[in-house]
Amino acid sequence: MSQCEKDETKEEKSCCSHINTSQIDRAKEKKNLINRLNRIEGQIRGVKGMIEKDTYCDDVLNQLAAVQAALNGVGKLILENHMKTCVIERIEKGEYEVVDELLKTMNKLIK
């Protein structure tokens, strides 16, 4: 279990929410991510509708590419925040295994 998961289990919050960010900044980041995910959810419903209407395959594929790009954007934002907070904190504590954990996560993201 990662340190983030341990912190989340203990405190019922994200590991990244307690480090070097004001509550206002964290709330803005969270709102931004939720708004992005809501738009992605709408895009996915749109793709589903396109398939139900037998839309030309190339058009569906282009929309899927847009959805994937939007998901990648959300992932990048979360990864950036994680690296700037949790990862730095753990390295400063001498918990260098966080680098291997981060590399595994990044490999999953870029598949």
PDB file of N, CA and C in Angstrom:
ATOM      1  N   MET A   1       0.849  -1.175   0.000  1.00  0.00           N
ATOM      2  CA  MET A   1       0.000   0.000   0.000  1.00  0.00           C
ATOM      3  C   MET A   1       0.894   1.237   0.000  1.00  0.00           C
ATOM      4  N   SER A   2       0.590   2.189  -0.876  1.00  0.00           N
ATOM      5  CA  SER A   2       1.401   3.395  -0.964  1.00  0.00           C
ATOM      6  C   SER A   2       1.133   4.313   0.219  1.00  0.00           C
ATOM      7  N   GLN A   3       2.045   5.258   0.413  1.00  0.00           N
ATOM      8  CA  GLN A   3       1.873   6.242   1.482  1.00  0.00           C
ATOM      9  C   GLN A   3       0.590   7.037   1.263  1.00  0.00           C
ATOM     10  N   CYS A   4       0.298   7.370   0.006  1.00  0.00           N
ATOM     11  CA  CYS A   4      -0.925   8.121  -0.286  1.00  0.00           C
ATOM     12  C   CYS A   4      -2.152   7.342   0.147  1.00  0.00           C
ATOM     13  N   GLU A   5      -2.179   6.036  -0.173  1.00  0.00           N
ATOM     14  CA  GLU A   5      -3.314   5.212   0.222  1.00  0.00           C
ATOM     15  C   GLU A   5      -3.412   5.115   1.732  1.00  0.00           C
ATOM     16  N   LYS A   6      -2.253   5.004   2.402  1.00  0.00           N
ATOM     17  CA  LYS A   6      -2.260   4.945   3.864  1.00  0.00           C
ATOM     18  C   LYS A   6      -2.813   6.238   4.442  1.00  0.00           C
ATOM     19  N   ASP A   7      -2.348   7.380   3.927  1.00  0.00           N
ATOM     20  CA  ASP A   7      -2.832   8.668   4.403  1.00  0.00           C
ATOM     21  C   ASP A   7      -4.328   8.808   4.164  1.00  0.00           C
ATOM     22  N   GLU A   8      -4.775   8.366   2.978  1.00  0.00           N
ATOM     23  CA  GLU A   8      -6.188   8.491   2.641  1.00  0.00           C
ATOM     24  C   GLU A   8      -7.032   7.636   3.581  1.00  0.00           C
ATOM     25  N   THR A   9      -6.562   6.432   3.880  1.00  0.00           N
ATOM     26  CA  THR A   9      -7.289   5.552   4.768  1.00  0.00           C
ATOM     27  C   THR A   9      -7.377   6.160   6.160  1.00  0.00           C
ATOM     28  N   LYS A  10      -6.290   6.717   6.636  1.00  0.00           N
ATOM     29  CA  LYS A  10      -6.254   7.306   7.970  1.00  0.00           C
ATOM     30  C   LYS A  10      -7.100   8.559   8.063  1.00  0.00           C
ATOM     31  N   GLU A  11      -6.960   9.439   7.085  1.00  0.00           N
ATOM     32  CA  GLU A  11      -7.528  10.770   7.209  1.00  0.00           C
ATOM     33  C   GLU A  11      -8.723  11.022   6.295  1.00  0.00           C
ATOM     34  N   GLU A  12      -9.091  10.040   5.477  1.00  0.00           N
ATOM     35  CA  GLU A  12     -10.206  10.191   4.558  1.00  0.00           C
ATOM     36  C   GLU A  12     -10.030  11.399   3.640  1.00  0.00           C
ATOM     37  N   LYS A  13      -8.817  11.638   3.188  1.00  0.00           N
ATOM     38  CA  LYS A  13      -8.571  12.701   2.228  1.00  0.00           C
ATOM     39  C   LYS A  13      -7.393  12.327   1.355  1.00  0.00           C
ATOM     40  N   SER A  14      -7.247  13.052   0.272  1.00  0.00           N
ATOM     41  CA  SER A  14      -6.155  12.817  -0.643  1.00  0.00           C
ATOM     42  C   SER A  14      -4.827  13.115   0.027  1.00  0.00           C
ATOM     43  N   CYS A  15      -3.816  12.344  -0.310  1.00  0.00           N
ATOM     44  CA  CYS A  15      -2.491  12.591   0.259  1.00  0.00           C
ATOM     45  C   CYS A  15      -1.963  13.944  -0.166  1.00  0.00           C
ATOM     46  N   CYS A  16      -2.405  14.435  -1.275  1.00  0.00           N
ATOM     47  CA  CYS A  16      -1.872  15.677  -1.819  1.00  0.00           C
ATOM     48  C   CYS A  16      -2.609  16.907  -1.322  1.00  0.00           C
ATOM     49  N   SER A  17      -3.643  16.733  -0.571  1.00  0.00           N
ATOM     50  CA  SER A  17      -4.464  17.880  -0.195  1.00  0.00           C
ATOM     51  C   SER A  17      -3.919  18.640   1.001  1.00  0.00           C
ATOM     52  N   HIS A  18      -2.926  18.134   1.667  1.00  0.00           N
ATOM     53  CA  HIS A  18      -2.469  18.755   2.905  1.00  0.00           C
ATOM     54  C   HIS A  18      -1.117  19.452   2.801  1.00  0.00           C
ATOM     55  N   ILE A  19      -0.525  19.476   1.628  1.00  0.00           N
ATOM     56  CA  ILE A  19       0.846  19.946   1.517  1.00  0.00           C
ATOM     57  C   ILE A  19       0.934  21.212   0.671  1.00  0.00           C
ATOM     58  N   ASN A  20       1.454  22.271   1.247  1.00  0.00           N
ATOM     59  CA  ASN A  20       1.844  23.473   0.517  1.00  0.00           C
ATOM     60  C   ASN A  20       0.782  24.071  -0.398  1.00  0.00           C
ATOM     61  N   THR A  21      -0.465  23.845  -0.137  1.00  0.00           N
ATOM     62  CA  THR A  21      -1.509  24.497  -0.920  1.00  0.00           C
ATOM     63  C   THR A  21      -2.565  25.019   0.032  1.00  0.00           C
ATOM     64  N   SER A  22      -3.080  26.174  -0.300  1.00  0.00           N
ATOM     65  CA  SER A  22      -4.150  26.714   0.526  1.00  0.00           C
ATOM     66  C   SER A  22      -5.436  25.969   0.208  1.00  0.00           C
ATOM     67  N   GLN A  23      -6.382  26.065   1.097  1.00  0.00           N
ATOM     68  CA  GLN A  23      -7.684  25.419   0.881  1.00  0.00           C
ATOM     69  C   GLN A  23      -8.336  25.972  -0.380  1.00  0.00           C
ATOM     70  N   ILE A  24      -8.172  27.282  -0.616  1.00  0.00           N
ATOM     71  CA  ILE A  24      -8.774  27.901  -1.798  1.00  0.00           C
ATOM     72  C   ILE A  24      -8.155  27.343  -3.067  1.00  0.00           C
ATOM     73  N   ASP A  25      -6.815  27.250  -3.100  1.00  0.00           N
ATOM     74  CA  ASP A  25      -6.141  26.694  -4.273  1.00  0.00           C
ATOM     75  C   ASP A  25      -6.570  25.259  -4.512  1.00  0.00           C
ATOM     76  N   ARG A  26      -6.630  24.473  -3.453  1.00  0.00           N
ATOM     77  CA  ARG A  26      -7.021  23.068  -3.575  1.00  0.00           C
ATOM     78  C   ARG A  26      -8.456  22.950  -4.063  1.00  0.00           C
ATOM     79  N   ALA A  27      -9.334  23.810  -3.558  1.00  0.00           N
ATOM     80  CA  ALA A  27     -10.734  23.788  -3.989  1.00  0.00           C
ATOM     81  C   ALA A  27     -10.853  24.148  -5.470  1.00  0.00           C
ATOM     82  N   LYS A  28     -10.057  25.113  -5.926  1.00  0.00           N
ATOM     83  CA  LYS A  28     -10.068  25.488  -7.347  1.00  0.00           C
ATOM     84  C   LYS A  28      -9.576  24.339  -8.217  1.00  0.00           C
ATOM     85  N   GLU A  29      -8.492  23.693  -7.787  1.00  0.00           N
ATOM     86  CA  GLU A  29      -7.953  22.552  -8.538  1.00  0.00           C
ATOM     87  C   GLU A  29      -8.990  21.437  -8.639  1.00  0.00           C
ATOM     88  N   LYS A  30      -9.622  21.159  -7.513  1.00  0.00           N
ATOM     89  CA  LYS A  30     -10.625  20.092  -7.474  1.00  0.00           C
ATOM     90  C   LYS A  30     -11.805  20.429  -8.378  1.00  0.00           C
ATOM     91  N   LYS A  31     -12.278  21.673  -8.314  1.00  0.00           N
ATOM     92  CA  LYS A  31     -13.400  22.093  -9.156  1.00  0.00           C
ATOM     93  C   LYS A  31     -13.024  21.981 -10.632  1.00  0.00           C
ATOM     94  N   ASN A  32     -11.808  22.394 -10.987  1.00  0.00           N
ATOM     95  CA  ASN A  32     -11.328  22.301 -12.357  1.00  0.00           C
ATOM     96  C   ASN A  32     -11.336  20.843 -12.838  1.00  0.00           C
ATOM     97  N   LEU A  33     -10.832  19.941 -12.009  1.00  0.00           N
ATOM     98  CA  LEU A  33     -10.806  18.525 -12.387  1.00  0.00           C
ATOM     99  C   LEU A  33     -12.215  17.968 -12.551  1.00  0.00           C
ATOM    100  N   ILE A  34     -13.095  18.320 -11.636  1.00  0.00           N
ATOM    101  CA  ILE A  34     -14.479  17.829 -11.715  1.00  0.00           C
ATOM    102  C   ILE A  34     -15.166  18.372 -12.961  1.00  0.00           C
ATOM    103  N   ASN A  35     -14.945  19.651 -13.278  1.00  0.00           N
ATOM    104  CA  ASN A  35     -15.526  20.226 -14.498  1.00  0.00           C
ATOM    105  C   ASN A  35     -15.020  19.510 -15.738  1.00  0.00           C
ATOM    106  N   ARG A  36     -13.728  19.238 -15.773  1.00  0.00           N
ATOM    107  CA  ARG A  36     -13.154  18.511 -16.912  1.00  0.00           C
ATOM    108  C   ARG A  36     -13.775  17.122 -17.038  1.00  0.00           C
ATOM    109  N   LEU A  37     -13.901  16.432 -15.906  1.00  0.00           N
ATOM    110  CA  LEU A  37     -14.478  15.085 -15.941  1.00  0.00           C
ATOM    111  C   LEU A  37     -15.949  15.116 -16.346  1.00  0.00           C
ATOM    112  N   ASN A  38     -16.667  16.139 -15.937  1.00  0.00           N
ATOM    113  CA  ASN A  38     -18.068  16.271 -16.364  1.00  0.00           C
ATOM    114  C   ASN A  38     -18.166  16.452 -17.877  1.00  0.00           C
ATOM    115  N   ARG A  39     -17.253  17.255 -18.452  1.00  0.00           N
ATOM    116  CA  ARG A  39     -17.243  17.430 -19.907  1.00  0.00           C
ATOM    117  C   ARG A  39     -16.904  16.107 -20.609  1.00  0.00           C
ATOM    118  N   ILE A  40     -15.952  15.388 -20.049  1.00  0.00           N
ATOM    119  CA  ILE A  40     -15.579  14.093 -20.625  1.00  0.00           C
ATOM    120  C   ILE A  40     -16.755  13.131 -20.567  1.00  0.00           C
ATOM    121  N   GLU A  41     -17.454  13.144 -19.457  1.00  0.00           N
ATOM    122  CA  GLU A  41     -18.643  12.291 -19.322  1.00  0.00           C
ATOM    123  C   GLU A  41     -19.656  12.620 -20.421  1.00  0.00           C
ATOM    124  N   GLY A  42     -19.840  13.901 -20.695  1.00  0.00           N
ATOM    125  CA  GLY A  42     -20.739  14.314 -21.772  1.00  0.00           C
ATOM    126  C   GLY A  42     -20.242  13.852 -23.128  1.00  0.00           C
ATOM    127  N   GLN A  43     -18.929  13.946 -23.344  1.00  0.00           N
ATOM    128  CA  GLN A  43     -18.352  13.474 -24.606  1.00  0.00           C
ATOM    129  C   GLN A  43     -18.595  11.982 -24.788  1.00  0.00           C
ATOM    130  N   ILE A  44     -18.455  11.226 -23.731  1.00  0.00           N
ATOM    131  CA  ILE A  44     -18.652   9.779 -23.817  1.00  0.00           C
ATOM    132  C   ILE A  44     -20.106   9.463 -24.140  1.00  0.00           C
ATOM    133  N   ARG A  45     -21.022  10.185 -23.508  1.00  0.00           N
ATOM    134  CA  ARG A  45     -22.446   9.985 -23.851  1.00  0.00           C
ATOM    135  C   ARG A  45     -22.686  10.328 -25.317  1.00  0.00           C
ATOM    136  N   GLY A  46     -21.990  11.362 -25.805  1.00  0.00           N
ATOM    137  CA  GLY A  46     -22.108  11.725 -27.215  1.00  0.00           C
ATOM    138  C   GLY A  46     -21.603  10.627 -28.132  1.00  0.00           C
ATOM    139  N   VAL A  47     -20.490  10.016 -27.776  1.00  0.00           N
ATOM    140  CA  VAL A  47     -19.947   8.908 -28.575  1.00  0.00           C
ATOM    141  C   VAL A  47     -20.927   7.736 -28.570  1.00  0.00           C
ATOM    142  N   LYS A  48     -21.485   7.456 -27.413  1.00  0.00           N
ATOM    143  CA  LYS A  48     -22.477   6.376 -27.327  1.00  0.00           C
ATOM    144  C   LYS A  48     -23.652   6.663 -28.262  1.00  0.00           C
ATOM    145  N   GLY A  49     -24.099   7.908 -28.259  1.00  0.00           N
ATOM    146  CA  GLY A  49     -25.200   8.293 -29.150  1.00  0.00           C
ATOM    147  C   GLY A  49     -24.815   8.151 -30.613  1.00  0.00           C
ATOM    148  N   MET A  50     -23.583   8.496 -30.927  1.00  0.00           N
ATOM    149  CA  MET A  50     -23.115   8.356 -32.304  1.00  0.00           C
ATOM    150  C   MET A  50     -23.159   6.901 -32.745  1.00  0.00           C
ATOM    151  N   ILE A  51     -22.740   6.016 -31.856  1.00  0.00           N
ATOM    152  CA  ILE A  51     -22.749   4.586 -32.184  1.00  0.00           C
ATOM    153  C   ILE A  51     -24.183   4.089 -32.339  1.00  0.00           C
ATOM    154  N   GLU A  52     -25.059   4.526 -31.448  1.00  0.00           N
ATOM    155  CA  GLU A  52     -26.471   4.128 -31.549  1.00  0.00           C
ATOM    156  C   GLU A  52     -27.098   4.596 -32.863  1.00  0.00           C
ATOM    157  N   LYS A  53     -26.635   5.734 -33.388  1.00  0.00           N
ATOM    158  CA  LYS A  53     -27.180   6.288 -34.632  1.00  0.00           C
ATOM    159  C   LYS A  53     -26.419   5.807 -35.863  1.00  0.00           C
ATOM    160  N   ASP A  54     -25.492   4.858 -35.662  1.00  0.00           N
ATOM    161  CA  ASP A  54     -24.685   4.329 -36.766  1.00  0.00           C
ATOM    162  C   ASP A  54     -23.925   5.428 -37.508  1.00  0.00           C
ATOM    163  N   THR A  55     -23.344   6.338 -36.752  1.00  0.00           N
ATOM    164  CA  THR A  55     -22.542   7.419 -37.326  1.00  0.00           C
ATOM    165  C   THR A  55     -21.307   6.838 -38.005  1.00  0.00           C
ATOM    166  N   TYR A  56     -20.854   7.499 -39.023  1.00  0.00           N
ATOM    167  CA  TYR A  56     -19.675   7.090 -39.780  1.00  0.00           C
ATOM    168  C   TYR A  56     -18.505   6.824 -38.823  1.00  0.00           C
ATOM    169  N   CYS A  57     -17.871   5.680 -38.988  1.00  0.00           N
ATOM    170  CA  CYS A  57     -16.830   5.216 -38.059  1.00  0.00           C
ATOM    171  C   CYS A  57     -15.713   6.236 -37.844  1.00  0.00           C
ATOM    172  N   ASP A  58     -15.281   6.900 -38.895  1.00  0.00           N
ATOM    173  CA  ASP A  58     -14.192   7.864 -38.770  1.00  0.00           C
ATOM    174  C   ASP A  58     -14.587   9.007 -37.829  1.00  0.00           C
ATOM    175  N   ASP A  59     -15.822   9.428 -37.884  1.00  0.00           N
ATOM    176  CA  ASP A  59     -16.295  10.487 -36.986  1.00  0.00           C
ATOM    177  C   ASP A  59     -16.291  10.014 -35.533  1.00  0.00           C
ATOM    178  N   VAL A  60     -16.698   8.782 -35.309  1.00  0.00           N
ATOM    179  CA  VAL A  60     -16.693   8.209 -33.955  1.00  0.00           C
ATOM    180  C   VAL A  60     -15.260   8.110 -33.443  1.00  0.00           C
ATOM    181  N   LEU A  61     -14.373   7.633 -34.291  1.00  0.00           N
ATOM    182  CA  LEU A  61     -12.969   7.504 -33.895  1.00  0.00           C
ATOM    183  C   LEU A  61     -12.355   8.860 -33.553  1.00  0.00           C
ATOM    184  N   ASN A  62     -12.710   9.892 -34.311  1.00  0.00           N
ATOM    185  CA  ASN A  62     -12.201  11.236 -34.002  1.00  0.00           C
ATOM    186  C   ASN A  62     -12.704  11.715 -32.642  1.00  0.00           C
ATOM    187  N   GLN A  63     -13.948  11.418 -32.317  1.00  0.00           N
ATOM    188  CA  GLN A  63     -14.483  11.800 -31.010  1.00  0.00           C
ATOM    189  C   GLN A  63     -13.806  11.008 -29.900  1.00  0.00           C
ATOM    190  N   LEU A  64     -13.534   9.733 -30.146  1.00  0.00           N
ATOM    191  CA  LEU A  64     -12.818   8.930 -29.152  1.00  0.00           C
ATOM    192  C   LEU A  64     -11.418   9.483 -28.906  1.00  0.00           C
ATOM    193  N   ALA A  65     -10.770   9.948 -29.956  1.00  0.00           N
ATOM    194  CA  ALA A  65      -9.442  10.553 -29.800  1.00  0.00           C
ATOM    195  C   ALA A  65      -9.537  11.813 -28.936  1.00  0.00           C
ATOM    196  N   ALA A  66     -10.603  12.587 -29.106  1.00  0.00           N
ATOM    197  CA  ALA A  66     -10.800  13.788 -28.297  1.00  0.00           C
ATOM    198  C   ALA A  66     -11.034  13.432 -26.836  1.00  0.00           C
ATOM    199  N   VAL A  67     -11.800  12.374 -26.601  1.00  0.00           N
ATOM    200  CA  VAL A  67     -12.045  11.914 -25.226  1.00  0.00           C
ATOM    201  C   VAL A  67     -10.733  11.467 -24.589  1.00  0.00           C
ATOM    202  N   GLN A  68      -9.939  10.709 -25.327  1.00  0.00           N
ATOM    203  CA  GLN A  68      -8.669  10.230 -24.796  1.00  0.00           C
ATOM    204  C   GLN A  68      -7.735  11.382 -24.470  1.00  0.00           C
ATOM    205  N   ALA A  69      -7.695  12.387 -25.337  1.00  0.00           N
ATOM    206  CA  ALA A  69      -6.853  13.558 -25.084  1.00  0.00           C
ATOM    207  C   ALA A  69      -7.316  14.288 -23.830  1.00  0.00           C
ATOM    208  N   ALA A  70      -8.616  14.401 -23.650  1.00  0.00           N
ATOM    209  CA  ALA A  70      -9.156  15.068 -22.461  1.00  0.00           C
ATOM    210  C   ALA A  70      -8.819  14.277 -21.200  1.00  0.00           C
ATOM    211  N   LEU A  71      -8.936  12.961 -21.250  1.00  0.00           N
ATOM    212  CA  LEU A  71      -8.559  12.131 -20.094  1.00  0.00           C
ATOM    213  C   LEU A  71      -7.072  12.255 -19.790  1.00  0.00           C
ATOM    214  N   ASN A  72      -6.251  12.291 -20.838  1.00  0.00           N
ATOM    215  CA  ASN A  72      -4.815  12.469 -20.632  1.00  0.00           C
ATOM    216  C   ASN A  72      -4.530  13.797 -19.947  1.00  0.00           C
ATOM    217  N   GLY A  73      -5.273  14.829 -20.306  1.00  0.00           N
ATOM    218  CA  GLY A  73      -5.099  16.126 -19.672  1.00  0.00           C
ATOM    219  C   GLY A  73      -5.398  16.088 -18.187  1.00  0.00           C
ATOM    220  N   VAL A  74      -6.467  15.396 -17.812  1.00  0.00           N
ATOM    221  CA  VAL A  74      -6.802  15.243 -16.394  1.00  0.00           C
ATOM    222  C   VAL A  74      -5.698  14.463 -15.684  1.00  0.00           C
ATOM    223  N   GLY A  75      -5.245  13.395 -16.303  1.00  0.00           N
ATOM    224  CA  GLY A  75      -4.174  12.598 -15.710  1.00  0.00           C
ATOM    225  C   GLY A  75      -2.904  13.401 -15.499  1.00  0.00           C
ATOM    226  N   LYS A  76      -2.563  14.241 -16.458  1.00  0.00           N
ATOM    227  CA  LYS A  76      -1.363  15.073 -16.340  1.00  0.00           C
ATOM    228  C   LYS A  76      -1.470  16.043 -15.176  1.00  0.00           C
ATOM    229  N   LEU A  77      -2.637  16.652 -15.017  1.00  0.00           N
ATOM    230  CA  LEU A  77      -2.827  17.591 -13.902  1.00  0.00           C
ATOM    231  C   LEU A  77      -2.694  16.893 -12.554  1.00  0.00           C
ATOM    232  N   ILE A  78      -3.311  15.723 -12.430  1.00  0.00           N
ATOM    233  CA  ILE A  78      -3.235  14.984 -11.177  1.00  0.00           C
ATOM    234  C   ILE A  78      -1.801  14.524 -10.920  1.00  0.00           C
ATOM    235  N   LEU A  79      -1.134  14.041 -11.961  1.00  0.00           N
ATOM    236  CA  LEU A  79       0.253  13.606 -11.821  1.00  0.00           C
ATOM    237  C   LEU A  79       1.157  14.766 -11.410  1.00  0.00           C
ATOM    238  N   GLU A  80       0.964  15.913 -12.025  1.00  0.00           N
ATOM    239  CA  GLU A  80       1.768  17.086 -11.685  1.00  0.00           C
ATOM    240  C   GLU A  80       1.601  17.455 -10.216  1.00  0.00           C
ATOM    241  N   ASN A  81       0.365  17.500  -9.756  1.00  0.00           N
ATOM    242  CA  ASN A  81       0.112  17.839  -8.357  1.00  0.00           C
ATOM    243  C   ASN A  81       0.711  16.787  -7.423  1.00  0.00           C
ATOM    244  N   HIS A  82       0.575  15.529  -7.787  1.00  0.00           N
ATOM    245  CA  HIS A  82       1.116  14.444  -6.977  1.00  0.00           C
ATOM    246  C   HIS A  82       2.635  14.570  -6.855  1.00  0.00           C
ATOM    247  N   MET A  83       3.295  14.866  -7.977  1.00  0.00           N
ATOM    248  CA  MET A  83       4.755  14.988  -7.956  1.00  0.00           C
ATOM    249  C   MET A  83       5.204  16.189  -7.128  1.00  0.00           C
ATOM    250  N   LYS A  84       4.460  17.285  -7.214  1.00  0.00           N
ATOM    251  CA  LYS A  84       4.827  18.505  -6.495  1.00  0.00           C
ATOM    252  C   LYS A  84       4.538  18.417  -4.999  1.00  0.00           C
ATOM    253  N   THR A  85       3.730  17.446  -4.611  1.00  0.00           N
ATOM    254  CA  THR A  85       3.344  17.366  -3.201  1.00  0.00           C
ATOM    255  C   THR A  85       3.826  16.056  -2.588  1.00  0.00           C
ATOM    256  N   CYS A  86       3.086  15.006  -2.788  1.00  0.00           N
ATOM    257  CA  CYS A  86       3.366  13.722  -2.143  1.00  0.00           C
ATOM    258  C   CYS A  86       4.760  13.191  -2.438  1.00  0.00           C
ATOM    259  N   VAL A  87       5.138  13.213  -3.705  1.00  0.00           N
ATOM    260  CA  VAL A  87       6.420  12.630  -4.089  1.00  0.00           C
ATOM    261  C   VAL A  87       7.571  13.403  -3.451  1.00  0.00           C
ATOM    262  N   ILE A  88       7.531  14.709  -3.542  1.00  0.00           N
ATOM    263  CA  ILE A  88       8.591  15.523  -2.936  1.00  0.00           C
ATOM    264  C   ILE A  88       8.647  15.289  -1.434  1.00  0.00           C
ATOM    265  N   GLU A  89       7.491  15.284  -0.793  1.00  0.00           N
ATOM    266  CA  GLU A  89       7.456  15.082   0.656  1.00  0.00           C
ATOM    267  C   GLU A  89       8.080  13.743   1.039  1.00  0.00           C
ATOM    268  N   ARG A  90       7.748  12.697   0.311  1.00  0.00           N
ATOM    269  CA  ARG A  90       8.272  11.379   0.638  1.00  0.00           C
ATOM    270  C   ARG A  90       9.775  11.281   0.372  1.00  0.00           C
ATOM    271  N   ILE A  91      10.245  11.902  -0.702  1.00  0.00           N
ATOM    272  CA  ILE A  91      11.684  11.902  -0.974  1.00  0.00           C
ATOM    273  C   ILE A  91      12.416  12.651   0.139  1.00  0.00           C
ATOM    274  N   GLU A  92      11.861  13.776   0.567  1.00  0.00           N
ATOM    275  CA  GLU A  92      12.479  14.527   1.662  1.00  0.00           C
ATOM    276  C   GLU A  92      12.539  13.715   2.951  1.00  0.00           C
ATOM    277  N   LYS A  93      11.605  12.784   3.119  1.00  0.00           N
ATOM    278  CA  LYS A  93      11.605  11.908   4.298  1.00  0.00           C
ATOM    279  C   LYS A  93      12.510  10.697   4.098  1.00  0.00           C
ATOM    280  N   GLY A  94      13.123  10.590   2.923  1.00  0.00           N
ATOM    281  CA  GLY A  94      14.002   9.462   2.647  1.00  0.00           C
ATOM    282  C   GLY A  94      13.278   8.240   2.115  1.00  0.00           C
ATOM    283  N   GLU A  95      12.038   8.379   1.736  1.00  0.00           N
ATOM    284  CA  GLU A  95      11.243   7.260   1.216  1.00  0.00           C
ATOM    285  C   GLU A  95      11.408   7.194  -0.305  1.00  0.00           C
ATOM    286  N   TYR A  96      12.571   6.743  -0.740  1.00  0.00           N
ATOM    287  CA  TYR A  96      12.918   6.761  -2.154  1.00  0.00           C
ATOM    288  C   TYR A  96      12.153   5.737  -2.983  1.00  0.00           C
ATOM    289  N   GLU A  97      11.489   4.799  -2.341  1.00  0.00           N
ATOM    290  CA  GLU A  97      10.682   3.826  -3.089  1.00  0.00           C
ATOM    291  C   GLU A  97       9.529   4.511  -3.825  1.00  0.00           C
ATOM    292  N   VAL A  98       9.224   5.733  -3.434  1.00  0.00           N
ATOM    293  CA  VAL A  98       8.169   6.481  -4.116  1.00  0.00           C
ATOM    294  C   VAL A  98       8.513   6.684  -5.591  1.00  0.00           C
ATOM    295  N   VAL A  99       9.792   6.721  -5.931  1.00  0.00           N
ATOM    296  CA  VAL A  99      10.196   6.901  -7.323  1.00  0.00           C
ATOM    297  C   VAL A  99       9.766   5.687  -8.148  1.00  0.00           C
ATOM    298  N   ASP A 100       9.992   4.487  -7.613  1.00  0.00           N
ATOM    299  CA  ASP A 100       9.565   3.273  -8.324  1.00  0.00           C
ATOM    300  C   ASP A 100       8.045   3.232  -8.449  1.00  0.00           C
ATOM    301  N   GLU A 101       7.356   3.630  -7.392  1.00  0.00           N
ATOM    302  CA  GLU A 101       5.890   3.684  -7.416  1.00  0.00           C
ATOM    303  C   GLU A 101       5.412   4.653  -8.502  1.00  0.00           C
ATOM    304  N   LEU A 102       6.053   5.802  -8.565  1.00  0.00           N
ATOM    305  CA  LEU A 102       5.699   6.812  -9.557  1.00  0.00           C
ATOM    306  C   LEU A 102       5.963   6.313 -10.974  1.00  0.00           C
ATOM    307  N   LEU A 103       7.089   5.644 -11.175  1.00  0.00           N
ATOM    308  CA  LEU A 103       7.404   5.103 -12.502  1.00  0.00           C
ATOM    309  C   LEU A 103       6.380   4.079 -12.949  1.00  0.00           C
ATOM    310  N   LYS A 104       5.944   3.218 -12.041  1.00  0.00           N
ATOM    311  CA  LYS A 104       4.903   2.232 -12.381  1.00  0.00           C
ATOM    312  C   LYS A 104       3.611   2.935 -12.775  1.00  0.00           C
ATOM    313  N   THR A 105       3.249   3.953 -12.031  1.00  0.00           N
ATOM    314  CA  THR A 105       2.026   4.697 -12.325  1.00  0.00           C
ATOM    315  C   THR A 105       2.130   5.394 -13.676  1.00  0.00           C
ATOM    316  N   MET A 106       3.272   6.012 -13.930  1.00  0.00           N
ATOM    317  CA  MET A 106       3.460   6.706 -15.210  1.00  0.00           C
ATOM    318  C   MET A 106       3.403   5.721 -16.378  1.00  0.00           C
ATOM    319  N   ASN A 107       3.959   4.529 -16.200  1.00  0.00           N
ATOM    320  CA  ASN A 107       3.879   3.514 -17.266  1.00  0.00           C
ATOM    321  C   ASN A 107       2.436   3.131 -17.556  1.00  0.00           C
ATOM    322  N   LYS A 108       1.615   3.070 -16.532  1.00  0.00           N
ATOM    323  CA  LYS A 108       0.196   2.773 -16.726  1.00  0.00           C
ATOM    324  C   LYS A 108      -0.497   3.907 -17.485  1.00  0.00           C
ATOM    325  N   LEU A 109      -0.121   5.124 -17.163  1.00  0.00           N
ATOM    326  CA  LEU A 109      -0.749   6.280 -17.800  1.00  0.00           C
ATOM    327  C   LEU A 109      -0.418   6.393 -19.276  1.00  0.00           C
ATOM    328  N   ILE A 110       0.779   5.994 -19.664  1.00  0.00           N
ATOM    329  CA  ILE A 110       1.187   6.194 -21.048  1.00  0.00           C
ATOM    330  C   ILE A 110       0.980   4.973 -21.939  1.00  0.00           C
ATOM    331  N   LYS A 111       0.325   3.966 -21.447  1.00  0.00           N
ATOM    332  CA  LYS A 111       0.031   2.789 -22.286  1.00  0.00           C
ATOM    333  C   LYS A 111      -0.926   3.134 -23.388  1.00  0.00           C
TER     334      LYS A 111
END
